[in-house]
N, C-alpha and C. Protein backbone atom coordinates (compact mmCIF):
# COMPACT_ATOMS: atom_id res chain seq x y z
N MET A 1 -43.03 -84.60 89.58
CA MET A 1 -41.97 -84.18 88.70
C MET A 1 -42.61 -83.55 87.47
N ALA A 2 -42.21 -82.35 87.14
CA ALA A 2 -42.75 -81.61 85.99
C ALA A 2 -42.13 -82.14 84.73
N SER A 3 -42.97 -82.22 83.70
CA SER A 3 -42.42 -82.73 82.45
C SER A 3 -41.90 -81.57 81.61
N SER A 4 -40.81 -81.79 81.02
CA SER A 4 -40.23 -80.77 80.14
C SER A 4 -40.52 -81.16 78.70
N PRO A 5 -40.36 -80.23 77.76
CA PRO A 5 -40.62 -80.57 76.37
C PRO A 5 -39.81 -81.76 75.89
N LEU A 6 -38.65 -81.94 76.48
CA LEU A 6 -37.81 -83.05 76.04
C LEU A 6 -38.30 -84.38 76.57
N THR A 7 -39.05 -84.35 77.66
CA THR A 7 -39.52 -85.61 78.24
C THR A 7 -40.95 -85.93 77.85
N GLN A 8 -41.63 -85.03 77.13
CA GLN A 8 -43.00 -85.31 76.71
C GLN A 8 -42.99 -86.37 75.62
N PRO A 9 -44.04 -87.15 75.57
CA PRO A 9 -44.10 -88.17 74.52
C PRO A 9 -44.11 -87.52 73.14
N ARG A 10 -43.57 -88.18 72.18
CA ARG A 10 -43.44 -87.63 70.82
C ARG A 10 -44.66 -87.91 69.96
N HIS A 11 -45.64 -88.64 70.43
CA HIS A 11 -46.75 -89.07 69.59
C HIS A 11 -47.56 -87.89 69.05
N HIS A 12 -47.50 -86.74 69.65
CA HIS A 12 -48.27 -85.60 69.14
C HIS A 12 -47.48 -84.78 68.10
N LEU A 13 -46.21 -85.06 67.94
CA LEU A 13 -45.39 -84.36 66.94
C LEU A 13 -45.39 -85.18 65.64
N PRO A 14 -45.62 -84.53 64.50
CA PRO A 14 -45.60 -85.28 63.25
C PRO A 14 -44.17 -85.69 62.90
N ASP A 15 -44.05 -86.88 62.36
CA ASP A 15 -42.73 -87.30 61.90
C ASP A 15 -42.46 -86.71 60.52
N ALA A 16 -41.27 -86.83 60.03
CA ALA A 16 -40.89 -86.23 58.75
C ALA A 16 -41.74 -86.76 57.60
N ALA A 17 -42.05 -88.06 57.63
CA ALA A 17 -42.87 -88.64 56.57
C ALA A 17 -44.27 -88.04 56.59
N GLY A 18 -44.80 -87.80 57.78
CA GLY A 18 -46.13 -87.19 57.90
C GLY A 18 -46.15 -85.78 57.37
N VAL A 19 -45.10 -85.02 57.65
CA VAL A 19 -45.00 -83.65 57.15
C VAL A 19 -44.92 -83.66 55.63
N VAL A 20 -44.13 -84.57 55.08
CA VAL A 20 -44.00 -84.68 53.62
C VAL A 20 -45.33 -85.07 53.01
N ALA A 21 -46.03 -86.05 53.60
CA ALA A 21 -47.32 -86.50 53.08
C ALA A 21 -48.34 -85.37 53.14
N LEU A 22 -48.34 -84.62 54.25
CA LEU A 22 -49.24 -83.49 54.39
C LEU A 22 -48.95 -82.43 53.34
N GLY A 23 -47.67 -82.16 53.14
CA GLY A 23 -47.26 -81.18 52.12
C GLY A 23 -47.67 -81.63 50.72
N GLN A 24 -47.52 -82.91 50.43
CA GLN A 24 -47.91 -83.43 49.12
C GLN A 24 -49.42 -83.36 48.93
N ALA A 25 -50.17 -83.69 49.97
CA ALA A 25 -51.63 -83.65 49.87
C ALA A 25 -52.10 -82.21 49.65
N THR A 26 -51.50 -81.27 50.38
CA THR A 26 -51.86 -79.87 50.21
C THR A 26 -51.48 -79.39 48.82
N SER A 27 -50.29 -79.77 48.38
CA SER A 27 -49.85 -79.41 47.02
C SER A 27 -50.79 -79.99 45.98
N ALA A 28 -51.21 -81.23 46.18
CA ALA A 28 -52.11 -81.87 45.22
C ALA A 28 -53.44 -81.13 45.16
N ARG A 29 -53.97 -80.73 46.33
CA ARG A 29 -55.23 -79.98 46.34
C ARG A 29 -55.08 -78.64 45.65
N ILE A 30 -54.01 -77.94 45.98
CA ILE A 30 -53.77 -76.62 45.36
C ILE A 30 -53.51 -76.79 43.87
N GLY A 31 -52.66 -77.74 43.52
CA GLY A 31 -52.37 -78.01 42.11
C GLY A 31 -53.60 -78.44 41.35
N GLY A 32 -54.41 -79.28 42.00
CA GLY A 32 -55.65 -79.73 41.36
C GLY A 32 -56.61 -78.59 41.11
N LYS A 33 -56.69 -77.68 42.07
CA LYS A 33 -57.58 -76.52 41.91
C LYS A 33 -57.07 -75.61 40.79
N VAL A 34 -55.77 -75.36 40.79
CA VAL A 34 -55.19 -74.51 39.74
C VAL A 34 -55.40 -75.16 38.39
N LEU A 35 -55.13 -76.46 38.30
CA LEU A 35 -55.31 -77.17 37.05
C LEU A 35 -56.78 -77.17 36.64
N GLY A 36 -57.67 -77.42 37.61
CA GLY A 36 -59.11 -77.40 37.33
C GLY A 36 -59.56 -76.04 36.83
N ASP A 37 -59.06 -74.99 37.46
CA ASP A 37 -59.42 -73.64 37.02
C ASP A 37 -58.92 -73.37 35.61
N ALA A 38 -57.70 -73.80 35.33
CA ALA A 38 -57.13 -73.60 33.98
C ALA A 38 -57.93 -74.38 32.95
N LEU A 39 -58.30 -75.61 33.27
CA LEU A 39 -59.10 -76.42 32.34
C LEU A 39 -60.47 -75.79 32.12
N ARG A 40 -61.06 -75.29 33.19
CA ARG A 40 -62.38 -74.66 33.07
C ARG A 40 -62.30 -73.42 32.17
N ARG A 41 -61.25 -72.62 32.35
CA ARG A 41 -61.08 -71.43 31.49
C ARG A 41 -60.90 -71.84 30.03
N GLN A 42 -60.11 -72.89 29.80
CA GLN A 42 -59.89 -73.35 28.43
C GLN A 42 -61.19 -73.88 27.82
N LEU A 43 -61.96 -74.62 28.61
CA LEU A 43 -63.25 -75.12 28.12
C LEU A 43 -64.21 -73.96 27.82
N ASP A 44 -64.16 -72.92 28.65
CA ASP A 44 -64.99 -71.73 28.39
C ASP A 44 -64.61 -71.10 27.05
N VAL A 45 -63.32 -71.02 26.79
CA VAL A 45 -62.85 -70.45 25.52
C VAL A 45 -63.30 -71.31 24.34
N LEU A 46 -63.15 -72.63 24.48
CA LEU A 46 -63.57 -73.54 23.41
C LEU A 46 -65.08 -73.47 23.18
N ALA A 47 -65.84 -73.40 24.26
CA ALA A 47 -67.30 -73.31 24.13
C ALA A 47 -67.69 -72.01 23.44
N ALA A 48 -67.01 -70.92 23.77
CA ALA A 48 -67.31 -69.63 23.13
C ALA A 48 -66.98 -69.69 21.63
N GLU A 49 -65.86 -70.32 21.29
CA GLU A 49 -65.49 -70.45 19.87
C GLU A 49 -66.50 -71.31 19.12
N SER A 50 -66.92 -72.40 19.73
CA SER A 50 -67.90 -73.29 19.10
C SER A 50 -69.23 -72.57 18.92
N THR A 51 -69.63 -71.80 19.93
CA THR A 51 -70.88 -71.04 19.84
C THR A 51 -70.79 -70.01 18.73
N LYS A 52 -69.63 -69.38 18.60
CA LYS A 52 -69.43 -68.38 17.54
C LYS A 52 -69.53 -69.04 16.16
N ARG A 53 -68.92 -70.24 16.02
CA ARG A 53 -68.99 -70.96 14.74
C ARG A 53 -70.42 -71.41 14.44
N LEU A 54 -71.16 -71.79 15.48
CA LEU A 54 -72.54 -72.19 15.31
C LEU A 54 -73.39 -71.00 14.85
N THR A 55 -73.16 -69.86 15.44
CA THR A 55 -73.89 -68.64 15.04
C THR A 55 -73.57 -68.30 13.59
N ALA A 56 -72.32 -68.42 13.19
CA ALA A 56 -71.93 -68.14 11.81
C ALA A 56 -72.60 -69.12 10.85
N ALA A 57 -72.67 -70.40 11.24
CA ALA A 57 -73.32 -71.40 10.39
C ALA A 57 -74.81 -71.11 10.25
N LYS A 58 -75.45 -70.66 11.33
CA LYS A 58 -76.87 -70.30 11.25
C LYS A 58 -77.08 -69.11 10.32
N THR A 59 -76.15 -68.19 10.33
CA THR A 59 -76.23 -67.03 9.44
C THR A 59 -76.14 -67.48 7.98
N VAL A 60 -75.21 -68.40 7.70
CA VAL A 60 -75.09 -68.93 6.33
C VAL A 60 -76.36 -69.67 5.94
N GLN A 61 -76.91 -70.42 6.87
CA GLN A 61 -78.15 -71.16 6.60
C GLN A 61 -79.29 -70.20 6.23
N ARG A 62 -79.43 -69.13 7.01
CA ARG A 62 -80.48 -68.14 6.70
C ARG A 62 -80.26 -67.49 5.34
N ARG A 63 -79.00 -67.18 5.05
CA ARG A 63 -78.68 -66.56 3.75
C ARG A 63 -79.05 -67.49 2.60
N LEU A 64 -78.73 -68.77 2.74
CA LEU A 64 -79.04 -69.73 1.69
C LEU A 64 -80.55 -69.91 1.52
N GLU A 65 -81.25 -69.93 2.63
CA GLU A 65 -82.71 -70.08 2.54
C GLU A 65 -83.34 -68.85 1.87
N CYS A 66 -82.82 -67.67 2.17
CA CYS A 66 -83.31 -66.44 1.50
C CYS A 66 -82.97 -66.47 0.02
N GLU A 67 -81.78 -66.95 -0.29
CA GLU A 67 -81.35 -67.05 -1.69
C GLU A 67 -82.28 -68.01 -2.44
N ARG A 68 -82.61 -69.12 -1.81
CA ARG A 68 -83.52 -70.10 -2.42
C ARG A 68 -84.88 -69.47 -2.70
N GLU A 69 -85.39 -68.73 -1.74
CA GLU A 69 -86.70 -68.08 -1.90
C GLU A 69 -86.68 -67.03 -3.01
N LYS A 70 -85.63 -66.23 -3.05
CA LYS A 70 -85.51 -65.20 -4.10
C LYS A 70 -85.42 -65.85 -5.48
N LEU A 71 -84.69 -66.94 -5.54
CA LEU A 71 -84.54 -67.65 -6.80
C LEU A 71 -85.90 -68.16 -7.29
N LEU A 72 -86.67 -68.69 -6.40
CA LEU A 72 -88.00 -69.18 -6.75
C LEU A 72 -88.90 -68.04 -7.23
N HIS A 73 -88.86 -66.93 -6.52
CA HIS A 73 -89.66 -65.77 -6.93
C HIS A 73 -89.21 -65.24 -8.29
N THR A 74 -87.90 -65.28 -8.53
CA THR A 74 -87.37 -64.85 -9.82
C THR A 74 -87.91 -65.75 -10.93
N HIS A 75 -87.99 -67.03 -10.67
CA HIS A 75 -88.53 -67.96 -11.66
C HIS A 75 -90.02 -67.69 -11.90
N TYR A 76 -90.75 -67.40 -10.81
CA TYR A 76 -92.19 -67.15 -10.94
C TYR A 76 -92.49 -65.97 -11.86
N VAL A 77 -91.63 -65.00 -11.89
CA VAL A 77 -91.86 -63.83 -12.77
C VAL A 77 -91.19 -64.04 -14.14
N ASP A 78 -90.84 -65.30 -14.41
CA ASP A 78 -90.23 -65.69 -15.68
C ASP A 78 -88.91 -64.97 -15.99
N ALA A 79 -88.17 -64.63 -14.96
CA ALA A 79 -86.88 -63.97 -15.16
C ALA A 79 -85.76 -64.99 -15.42
N ILE A 80 -85.95 -66.23 -14.97
CA ILE A 80 -84.95 -67.28 -15.24
C ILE A 80 -85.67 -68.55 -15.69
N PRO A 81 -85.04 -69.31 -16.58
CA PRO A 81 -85.67 -70.55 -17.05
C PRO A 81 -85.62 -71.64 -15.98
N LEU A 82 -86.45 -72.65 -16.17
CA LEU A 82 -86.58 -73.75 -15.23
C LEU A 82 -85.26 -74.49 -15.00
N ASP A 83 -84.48 -74.73 -16.07
CA ASP A 83 -83.23 -75.48 -15.90
C ASP A 83 -82.24 -74.72 -15.02
N VAL A 84 -82.23 -73.40 -15.11
CA VAL A 84 -81.35 -72.59 -14.24
C VAL A 84 -81.86 -72.66 -12.79
N LEU A 85 -83.16 -72.58 -12.64
CA LEU A 85 -83.75 -72.70 -11.30
C LEU A 85 -83.35 -74.03 -10.67
N LYS A 86 -83.51 -75.13 -11.40
CA LYS A 86 -83.19 -76.45 -10.87
C LYS A 86 -81.71 -76.57 -10.50
N ARG A 87 -80.85 -76.08 -11.40
CA ARG A 87 -79.40 -76.15 -11.15
C ARG A 87 -79.05 -75.36 -9.88
N GLU A 88 -79.58 -74.15 -9.76
CA GLU A 88 -79.28 -73.32 -8.59
C GLU A 88 -79.88 -73.91 -7.32
N GLN A 89 -81.07 -74.49 -7.42
CA GLN A 89 -81.70 -75.12 -6.26
C GLN A 89 -80.86 -76.32 -5.78
N ARG A 90 -80.32 -77.10 -6.72
CA ARG A 90 -79.44 -78.23 -6.34
C ARG A 90 -78.21 -77.72 -5.61
N HIS A 91 -77.64 -76.64 -6.15
CA HIS A 91 -76.43 -76.05 -5.54
C HIS A 91 -76.75 -75.57 -4.11
N ILE A 92 -77.84 -74.87 -3.94
CA ILE A 92 -78.23 -74.37 -2.62
C ILE A 92 -78.53 -75.53 -1.67
N SER A 93 -79.22 -76.54 -2.17
CA SER A 93 -79.53 -77.72 -1.33
C SER A 93 -78.26 -78.40 -0.85
N ARG A 94 -77.28 -78.53 -1.75
CA ARG A 94 -76.00 -79.15 -1.39
C ARG A 94 -75.31 -78.33 -0.28
N GLU A 95 -75.30 -77.02 -0.45
CA GLU A 95 -74.68 -76.16 0.57
C GLU A 95 -75.44 -76.24 1.90
N LEU A 96 -76.75 -76.27 1.84
CA LEU A 96 -77.55 -76.37 3.06
C LEU A 96 -77.30 -77.68 3.80
N ARG A 97 -77.15 -78.77 3.06
CA ARG A 97 -76.84 -80.05 3.71
C ARG A 97 -75.51 -79.97 4.45
N GLY A 98 -74.53 -79.34 3.82
CA GLY A 98 -73.23 -79.17 4.47
C GLY A 98 -73.33 -78.32 5.73
N VAL A 99 -74.09 -77.25 5.65
CA VAL A 99 -74.29 -76.38 6.82
C VAL A 99 -75.04 -77.13 7.90
N ASP A 100 -76.04 -77.91 7.54
CA ASP A 100 -76.81 -78.69 8.52
C ASP A 100 -75.90 -79.69 9.24
N ARG A 101 -75.01 -80.36 8.50
CA ARG A 101 -74.07 -81.30 9.13
C ARG A 101 -73.14 -80.56 10.08
N GLN A 102 -72.64 -79.42 9.63
CA GLN A 102 -71.75 -78.62 10.47
C GLN A 102 -72.47 -78.18 11.76
N MET A 103 -73.70 -77.72 11.62
CA MET A 103 -74.47 -77.27 12.78
C MET A 103 -74.76 -78.41 13.75
N ALA A 104 -75.06 -79.58 13.22
CA ALA A 104 -75.32 -80.74 14.08
C ALA A 104 -74.08 -81.08 14.90
N GLY A 105 -72.92 -81.08 14.23
CA GLY A 105 -71.67 -81.36 14.94
C GLY A 105 -71.36 -80.30 15.99
N LEU A 106 -71.60 -79.05 15.64
CA LEU A 106 -71.34 -77.96 16.58
C LEU A 106 -72.31 -77.99 17.76
N ASP A 107 -73.56 -78.38 17.51
CA ASP A 107 -74.53 -78.51 18.60
C ASP A 107 -74.04 -79.53 19.62
N VAL A 108 -73.57 -80.67 19.13
CA VAL A 108 -73.05 -81.71 20.01
C VAL A 108 -71.82 -81.20 20.76
N GLU A 109 -70.94 -80.54 20.03
CA GLU A 109 -69.70 -80.01 20.62
C GLU A 109 -70.02 -79.00 21.74
N VAL A 110 -70.90 -78.07 21.48
CA VAL A 110 -71.27 -77.06 22.48
C VAL A 110 -71.92 -77.72 23.69
N THR A 111 -72.80 -78.68 23.47
CA THR A 111 -73.46 -79.38 24.58
C THR A 111 -72.44 -80.11 25.44
N GLU A 112 -71.50 -80.79 24.81
CA GLU A 112 -70.48 -81.53 25.56
C GLU A 112 -69.58 -80.57 26.35
N GLN A 113 -69.21 -79.46 25.73
CA GLN A 113 -68.36 -78.49 26.43
C GLN A 113 -69.10 -77.86 27.60
N GLN A 114 -70.36 -77.56 27.42
CA GLN A 114 -71.14 -76.97 28.52
C GLN A 114 -71.28 -77.97 29.66
N ALA A 115 -71.44 -79.24 29.33
CA ALA A 115 -71.55 -80.27 30.36
C ALA A 115 -70.24 -80.39 31.15
N LEU A 116 -69.11 -80.26 30.46
CA LEU A 116 -67.82 -80.35 31.14
C LEU A 116 -67.57 -79.14 32.03
N VAL A 117 -67.99 -77.98 31.57
CA VAL A 117 -67.78 -76.76 32.35
C VAL A 117 -68.67 -76.78 33.59
N GLY A 118 -69.83 -77.38 33.45
CA GLY A 118 -70.71 -77.54 34.61
C GLY A 118 -71.67 -76.44 34.67
């Protein structure tokens, strides 16, 4: 006796719950990939912004160090008195400490973002 589709066992056909579970799993994979891609793009943007801020901080640091050197040379040629030199050196040192703290934080931030991006 030949078997017809109606008489074949149903074990090879997925039930409705299986189809729903399969659809959810596929959706989760696709959604996870889309979400992962979006997060990766956002992390790339954040890393680029942090790198840009770090570059700007390094520029300020170089400017302050040049300013400090010029100030010292100006004092050497007796163009400014010692008390002015000391006051300006304190001001530059204070600014450099702030830039150093900012750069340290940005270094950590960039490293963490690069680690997350992979």
